[in-house]
Amino acid sequence: MSIEMNLDSRPVTLTPRAAKRIAEILKDEPGQPMLRLAVTGGGCSGFQYDFCLDESRSDDDLVIARDGATVLIDPVSLDFLKGAEIDFVDEMIGAAFKVKNPNATSSCGCGTSFSV
């Protein structure tokens, strides 16, 4: 059974900006895709965030639903992401999803990799 949590008790939060952008991306995709956030080995700091579209959820995924957006996080990645916030920023240098991760002891300049 997937883990679904309300906005106040989730181990990972999704900002309204991120939810809005995810919903915009997903509405034009065929089927019923969701955004999957995973932590993988690699990047310049040891671990990196991997965002991809996924049409299936596993029984043990954390499911975050907000304002028409659905984000999936597998249990191994969740260990690295507890307490994190997924945001979307649109700055002069570009627009991107940003993960504010309290478990990261350092991160690279681009913000896509981190170490613990």
N, C-alpha and C. Protein backbone atom coordinates (compact mmCIF):
# COMPACT_ATOMS: atom_id res chain seq x y z
N MET A 1 0.84 -1.17 0.00
CA MET A 1 0.00 0.00 0.00
C MET A 1 0.90 1.24 0.00
N SER A 2 0.60 2.21 -0.86
CA SER A 2 1.39 3.43 -0.91
C SER A 2 1.10 4.26 0.33
N ILE A 3 2.05 5.09 0.68
CA ILE A 3 1.92 5.95 1.85
C ILE A 3 1.45 7.31 1.37
N GLU A 4 0.23 7.70 1.75
CA GLU A 4 -0.27 9.03 1.40
C GLU A 4 -0.43 9.81 2.69
N MET A 5 0.04 11.05 2.68
CA MET A 5 0.01 11.83 3.90
C MET A 5 -0.63 13.18 3.63
N ASN A 6 -1.23 13.76 4.67
CA ASN A 6 -1.78 15.09 4.49
C ASN A 6 -0.66 16.13 4.52
N LEU A 7 -0.98 17.36 4.17
CA LEU A 7 0.03 18.41 4.02
C LEU A 7 0.80 18.68 5.30
N ASP A 8 0.20 18.46 6.47
CA ASP A 8 0.86 18.83 7.72
C ASP A 8 1.78 17.76 8.29
N SER A 9 1.62 16.50 7.89
CA SER A 9 2.39 15.44 8.52
C SER A 9 3.37 14.75 7.59
N ARG A 10 3.59 15.28 6.43
CA ARG A 10 4.47 14.66 5.44
C ARG A 10 5.94 14.81 5.79
N PRO A 11 6.74 13.77 5.53
CA PRO A 11 8.18 13.90 5.74
C PRO A 11 8.86 14.74 4.66
N VAL A 12 8.19 14.95 3.51
CA VAL A 12 8.71 15.80 2.43
C VAL A 12 7.57 16.71 2.03
N THR A 13 7.86 18.00 1.86
CA THR A 13 6.79 18.93 1.49
C THR A 13 6.99 19.44 0.06
N LEU A 14 5.90 19.88 -0.50
CA LEU A 14 5.86 20.39 -1.87
C LEU A 14 5.29 21.79 -1.80
N THR A 15 6.04 22.78 -2.29
CA THR A 15 5.55 24.16 -2.24
C THR A 15 4.44 24.36 -3.27
N PRO A 16 3.61 25.37 -3.07
CA PRO A 16 2.58 25.68 -4.07
C PRO A 16 3.17 25.95 -5.46
N ARG A 17 4.32 26.63 -5.53
CA ARG A 17 4.97 26.90 -6.83
C ARG A 17 5.36 25.61 -7.52
N ALA A 18 5.93 24.68 -6.77
CA ALA A 18 6.33 23.40 -7.35
C ALA A 18 5.11 22.61 -7.81
N ALA A 19 4.07 22.59 -6.98
CA ALA A 19 2.85 21.86 -7.36
C ALA A 19 2.25 22.44 -8.64
N LYS A 20 2.22 23.75 -8.74
CA LYS A 20 1.66 24.40 -9.93
C LYS A 20 2.46 24.01 -11.18
N ARG A 21 3.79 24.05 -11.09
CA ARG A 21 4.64 23.72 -12.25
C ARG A 21 4.51 22.24 -12.62
N ILE A 22 4.46 21.37 -11.64
CA ILE A 22 4.31 19.94 -11.90
C ILE A 22 2.98 19.69 -12.60
N ALA A 23 1.90 20.30 -12.10
CA ALA A 23 0.58 20.13 -12.72
C ALA A 23 0.60 20.62 -14.16
N GLU A 24 1.31 21.73 -14.43
CA GLU A 24 1.41 22.24 -15.81
C GLU A 24 2.13 21.25 -16.71
N ILE A 25 3.18 20.64 -16.21
CA ILE A 25 3.95 19.67 -17.00
C ILE A 25 3.10 18.42 -17.26
N LEU A 26 2.45 17.92 -16.22
CA LEU A 26 1.71 16.66 -16.33
C LEU A 26 0.46 16.76 -17.18
N LYS A 27 -0.17 17.92 -17.25
CA LYS A 27 -1.45 18.03 -17.98
C LYS A 27 -1.30 17.77 -19.47
N ASP A 28 -0.14 17.99 -20.04
CA ASP A 28 0.07 17.77 -21.47
C ASP A 28 0.63 16.39 -21.80
N GLU A 29 0.86 15.58 -20.79
CA GLU A 29 1.41 14.25 -20.99
C GLU A 29 0.29 13.23 -21.19
N PRO A 30 0.49 12.25 -22.08
CA PRO A 30 -0.52 11.21 -22.25
C PRO A 30 -0.57 10.29 -21.03
N GLY A 31 -1.70 9.69 -20.81
CA GLY A 31 -1.86 8.79 -19.67
C GLY A 31 -2.04 9.58 -18.39
N GLN A 32 -1.62 9.00 -17.29
CA GLN A 32 -1.72 9.65 -15.99
C GLN A 32 -0.36 9.64 -15.30
N PRO A 33 0.61 10.37 -15.84
CA PRO A 33 1.94 10.33 -15.25
C PRO A 33 2.01 11.11 -13.93
N MET A 34 2.99 10.75 -13.14
CA MET A 34 3.30 11.44 -11.89
C MET A 34 4.78 11.79 -11.95
N LEU A 35 5.20 12.74 -11.15
CA LEU A 35 6.61 13.08 -11.08
C LEU A 35 7.26 12.22 -10.01
N ARG A 36 8.34 11.54 -10.36
CA ARG A 36 9.08 10.74 -9.40
C ARG A 36 10.37 11.46 -9.05
N LEU A 37 10.62 11.60 -7.76
CA LEU A 37 11.89 12.14 -7.27
C LEU A 37 12.65 11.00 -6.62
N ALA A 38 13.87 10.78 -7.10
CA ALA A 38 14.71 9.72 -6.54
C ALA A 38 16.09 10.30 -6.23
N VAL A 39 16.77 9.67 -5.31
CA VAL A 39 18.16 10.00 -5.01
C VAL A 39 19.01 8.87 -5.56
N THR A 40 19.98 9.22 -6.38
CA THR A 40 20.87 8.22 -6.97
C THR A 40 22.32 8.60 -6.66
N GLY A 41 23.20 7.63 -6.76
CA GLY A 41 24.61 7.90 -6.59
C GLY A 41 25.14 8.65 -7.80
N GLY A 42 26.05 9.58 -7.57
CA GLY A 42 26.64 10.32 -8.69
C GLY A 42 26.66 11.81 -8.43
N GLY A 43 26.88 12.54 -9.50
CA GLY A 43 27.00 13.99 -9.36
C GLY A 43 28.34 14.36 -8.77
N CYS A 44 28.59 15.63 -8.66
CA CYS A 44 29.90 16.07 -8.17
C CYS A 44 30.02 16.01 -6.65
N SER A 45 28.92 15.73 -5.94
CA SER A 45 28.99 15.68 -4.48
C SER A 45 28.69 14.30 -3.90
N GLY A 46 28.44 13.31 -4.72
CA GLY A 46 28.21 11.95 -4.23
C GLY A 46 26.82 11.41 -4.48
N PHE A 47 25.79 12.24 -4.30
CA PHE A 47 24.41 11.85 -4.57
C PHE A 47 23.78 12.93 -5.45
N GLN A 48 22.77 12.53 -6.21
CA GLN A 48 22.09 13.52 -7.03
C GLN A 48 20.60 13.26 -7.04
N TYR A 49 19.84 14.33 -7.31
CA TYR A 49 18.40 14.23 -7.41
C TYR A 49 18.04 13.87 -8.84
N ASP A 50 17.13 12.94 -8.99
CA ASP A 50 16.69 12.50 -10.31
C ASP A 50 15.18 12.70 -10.39
N PHE A 51 14.74 13.58 -11.29
CA PHE A 51 13.33 13.83 -11.53
C PHE A 51 12.95 13.15 -12.85
N CYS A 52 11.87 12.38 -12.84
CA CYS A 52 11.39 11.77 -14.08
C CYS A 52 9.88 11.56 -13.98
N LEU A 53 9.25 11.36 -15.14
CA LEU A 53 7.83 11.06 -15.17
C LEU A 53 7.64 9.55 -15.04
N ASP A 54 6.64 9.15 -14.28
CA ASP A 54 6.38 7.74 -14.03
C ASP A 54 4.88 7.52 -14.02
N GLU A 55 4.41 6.48 -14.68
CA GLU A 55 2.97 6.20 -14.70
C GLU A 55 2.56 5.16 -13.67
N SER A 56 3.52 4.58 -12.97
CA SER A 56 3.15 3.56 -11.98
C SER A 56 3.78 3.89 -10.64
N ARG A 57 3.02 3.58 -9.61
CA ARG A 57 3.54 3.77 -8.26
C ARG A 57 3.70 2.42 -7.61
N SER A 58 4.71 2.31 -6.79
CA SER A 58 4.95 1.08 -6.03
C SER A 58 4.17 1.15 -4.73
N ASP A 59 3.91 -0.01 -4.16
CA ASP A 59 3.14 -0.08 -2.92
C ASP A 59 3.79 0.69 -1.78
N ASP A 60 5.13 0.78 -1.79
CA ASP A 60 5.81 1.43 -0.68
C ASP A 60 6.27 2.86 -0.99
N ASP A 61 5.82 3.44 -2.11
CA ASP A 61 6.14 4.83 -2.44
C ASP A 61 5.44 5.79 -1.49
N LEU A 62 6.11 6.88 -1.18
CA LEU A 62 5.46 8.02 -0.56
C LEU A 62 4.78 8.77 -1.69
N VAL A 63 3.50 9.09 -1.52
CA VAL A 63 2.74 9.81 -2.54
C VAL A 63 2.38 11.17 -1.97
N ILE A 64 2.83 12.22 -2.64
CA ILE A 64 2.50 13.57 -2.23
C ILE A 64 1.59 14.16 -3.31
N ALA A 65 0.38 14.50 -2.94
CA ALA A 65 -0.57 15.09 -3.88
C ALA A 65 -0.94 16.48 -3.40
N ARG A 66 -0.83 17.44 -4.32
CA ARG A 66 -1.17 18.82 -3.98
C ARG A 66 -1.55 19.58 -5.25
N ASP A 67 -2.70 20.21 -5.24
CA ASP A 67 -3.13 21.12 -6.30
C ASP A 67 -2.98 20.52 -7.70
N GLY A 68 -3.37 19.27 -7.88
CA GLY A 68 -3.31 18.63 -9.19
C GLY A 68 -1.98 18.01 -9.54
N ALA A 69 -1.02 18.08 -8.63
CA ALA A 69 0.31 17.49 -8.85
C ALA A 69 0.48 16.27 -7.95
N THR A 70 1.15 15.24 -8.48
CA THR A 70 1.46 14.05 -7.69
C THR A 70 2.94 13.76 -7.81
N VAL A 71 3.60 13.61 -6.65
CA VAL A 71 5.02 13.29 -6.60
C VAL A 71 5.17 11.96 -5.89
N LEU A 72 6.01 11.10 -6.44
CA LEU A 72 6.31 9.79 -5.85
C LEU A 72 7.75 9.77 -5.36
N ILE A 73 7.98 9.16 -4.19
CA ILE A 73 9.34 9.00 -3.66
C ILE A 73 9.45 7.59 -3.11
N ASP A 74 10.45 6.85 -3.58
CA ASP A 74 10.66 5.48 -3.10
C ASP A 74 11.25 5.51 -1.69
N PRO A 75 11.12 4.41 -0.92
CA PRO A 75 11.57 4.41 0.47
C PRO A 75 13.07 4.62 0.66
N VAL A 76 13.90 4.14 -0.25
CA VAL A 76 15.35 4.34 -0.12
C VAL A 76 15.68 5.82 -0.28
N SER A 77 15.09 6.46 -1.28
CA SER A 77 15.31 7.89 -1.49
C SER A 77 14.75 8.71 -0.33
N LEU A 78 13.62 8.26 0.22
CA LEU A 78 13.00 8.97 1.32
C LEU A 78 13.93 9.08 2.52
N ASP A 79 14.77 8.06 2.74
CA ASP A 79 15.74 8.12 3.84
C ASP A 79 16.67 9.33 3.70
N PHE A 80 16.99 9.71 2.47
CA PHE A 80 17.85 10.87 2.23
C PHE A 80 17.08 12.18 2.21
N LEU A 81 15.75 12.12 2.10
CA LEU A 81 14.95 13.31 1.86
C LEU A 81 14.06 13.73 3.02
N LYS A 82 14.10 13.01 4.13
CA LYS A 82 13.21 13.34 5.25
C LYS A 82 13.40 14.79 5.68
N GLY A 83 12.30 15.51 5.74
CA GLY A 83 12.33 16.91 6.13
C GLY A 83 12.60 17.87 4.99
N ALA A 84 12.75 17.35 3.77
CA ALA A 84 13.08 18.20 2.62
C ALA A 84 11.85 18.91 2.07
N GLU A 85 12.11 19.96 1.31
CA GLU A 85 11.06 20.71 0.63
C GLU A 85 11.40 20.76 -0.85
N ILE A 86 10.41 20.43 -1.68
CA ILE A 86 10.57 20.52 -3.13
C ILE A 86 9.95 21.85 -3.57
N ASP A 87 10.75 22.66 -4.23
CA ASP A 87 10.30 23.97 -4.67
C ASP A 87 10.60 24.13 -6.16
N PHE A 88 9.99 25.13 -6.77
CA PHE A 88 10.29 25.47 -8.15
C PHE A 88 10.69 26.93 -8.18
N VAL A 89 11.86 27.21 -8.74
CA VAL A 89 12.35 28.59 -8.82
C VAL A 89 12.53 28.99 -10.27
N ASP A 90 12.20 30.22 -10.55
CA ASP A 90 12.35 30.78 -11.89
C ASP A 90 13.19 32.04 -11.74
N GLU A 91 14.49 31.88 -11.96
CA GLU A 91 15.44 32.96 -11.77
C GLU A 91 16.04 33.38 -13.11
N MET A 92 16.80 34.42 -13.09
CA MET A 92 17.43 34.92 -14.31
C MET A 92 18.30 33.87 -14.99
N ILE A 93 18.93 33.01 -14.19
CA ILE A 93 19.82 32.00 -14.77
C ILE A 93 19.07 30.75 -15.22
N GLY A 94 17.77 30.69 -14.96
CA GLY A 94 16.97 29.57 -15.42
C GLY A 94 15.93 29.14 -14.41
N ALA A 95 15.04 28.29 -14.85
CA ALA A 95 13.98 27.76 -14.00
C ALA A 95 14.28 26.29 -13.72
N ALA A 96 14.02 25.87 -12.48
CA ALA A 96 14.32 24.49 -12.10
C ALA A 96 13.64 24.12 -10.80
N PHE A 97 13.47 22.83 -10.61
CA PHE A 97 13.03 22.34 -9.31
C PHE A 97 14.25 22.35 -8.39
N LYS A 98 14.04 22.77 -7.16
CA LYS A 98 15.10 22.80 -6.16
C LYS A 98 14.65 22.00 -4.95
N VAL A 99 15.54 21.21 -4.41
CA VAL A 99 15.25 20.45 -3.20
C VAL A 99 16.03 21.08 -2.07
N LYS A 100 15.30 21.57 -1.07
CA LYS A 100 15.92 22.11 0.14
C LYS A 100 15.98 20.95 1.12
N ASN A 101 17.17 20.37 1.25
CA ASN A 101 17.33 19.12 1.98
C ASN A 101 18.13 19.34 3.26
N PRO A 102 17.50 19.20 4.43
CA PRO A 102 18.23 19.40 5.69
C PRO A 102 19.25 18.30 5.99
N ASN A 103 19.19 17.19 5.25
CA ASN A 103 20.13 16.09 5.47
C ASN A 103 21.44 16.27 4.72
N ALA A 104 21.47 17.19 3.77
CA ALA A 104 22.66 17.41 2.96
C ALA A 104 23.68 18.22 3.76
N THR A 105 24.89 17.70 3.85
CA THR A 105 25.94 18.43 4.55
C THR A 105 26.65 19.40 3.62
N SER A 106 26.59 19.14 2.33
CA SER A 106 27.12 20.06 1.32
C SER A 106 26.44 19.76 0.00
N SER A 107 26.50 20.74 -0.89
CA SER A 107 25.92 20.52 -2.21
C SER A 107 26.77 21.26 -3.24
N CYS A 108 26.57 20.90 -4.50
CA CYS A 108 27.32 21.54 -5.56
C CYS A 108 26.69 22.89 -5.90
N GLY A 109 27.36 23.67 -6.68
CA GLY A 109 26.87 24.99 -7.06
C GLY A 109 25.60 24.96 -7.86
N CYS A 110 25.37 23.91 -8.64
CA CYS A 110 24.16 23.85 -9.46
C CYS A 110 22.96 23.37 -8.67
N GLY A 111 23.18 22.79 -7.48
CA GLY A 111 22.09 22.38 -6.63
C GLY A 111 21.47 21.04 -6.96
N THR A 112 22.08 20.28 -7.88
CA THR A 112 21.49 18.99 -8.23
C THR A 112 22.19 17.82 -7.57
N SER A 113 23.32 18.05 -6.92
CA SER A 113 23.97 16.96 -6.21
C SER A 113 24.32 17.42 -4.81
N PHE A 114 24.49 16.43 -3.93
CA PHE A 114 24.73 16.73 -2.52
C PHE A 114 25.48 15.58 -1.87
N SER A 115 25.97 15.85 -0.67
CA SER A 115 26.58 14.79 0.15
C SER A 115 25.91 14.79 1.51
N VAL A 116 26.02 13.64 2.19
CA VAL A 116 25.43 13.51 3.52
C VAL A 116 26.49 13.14 4.52
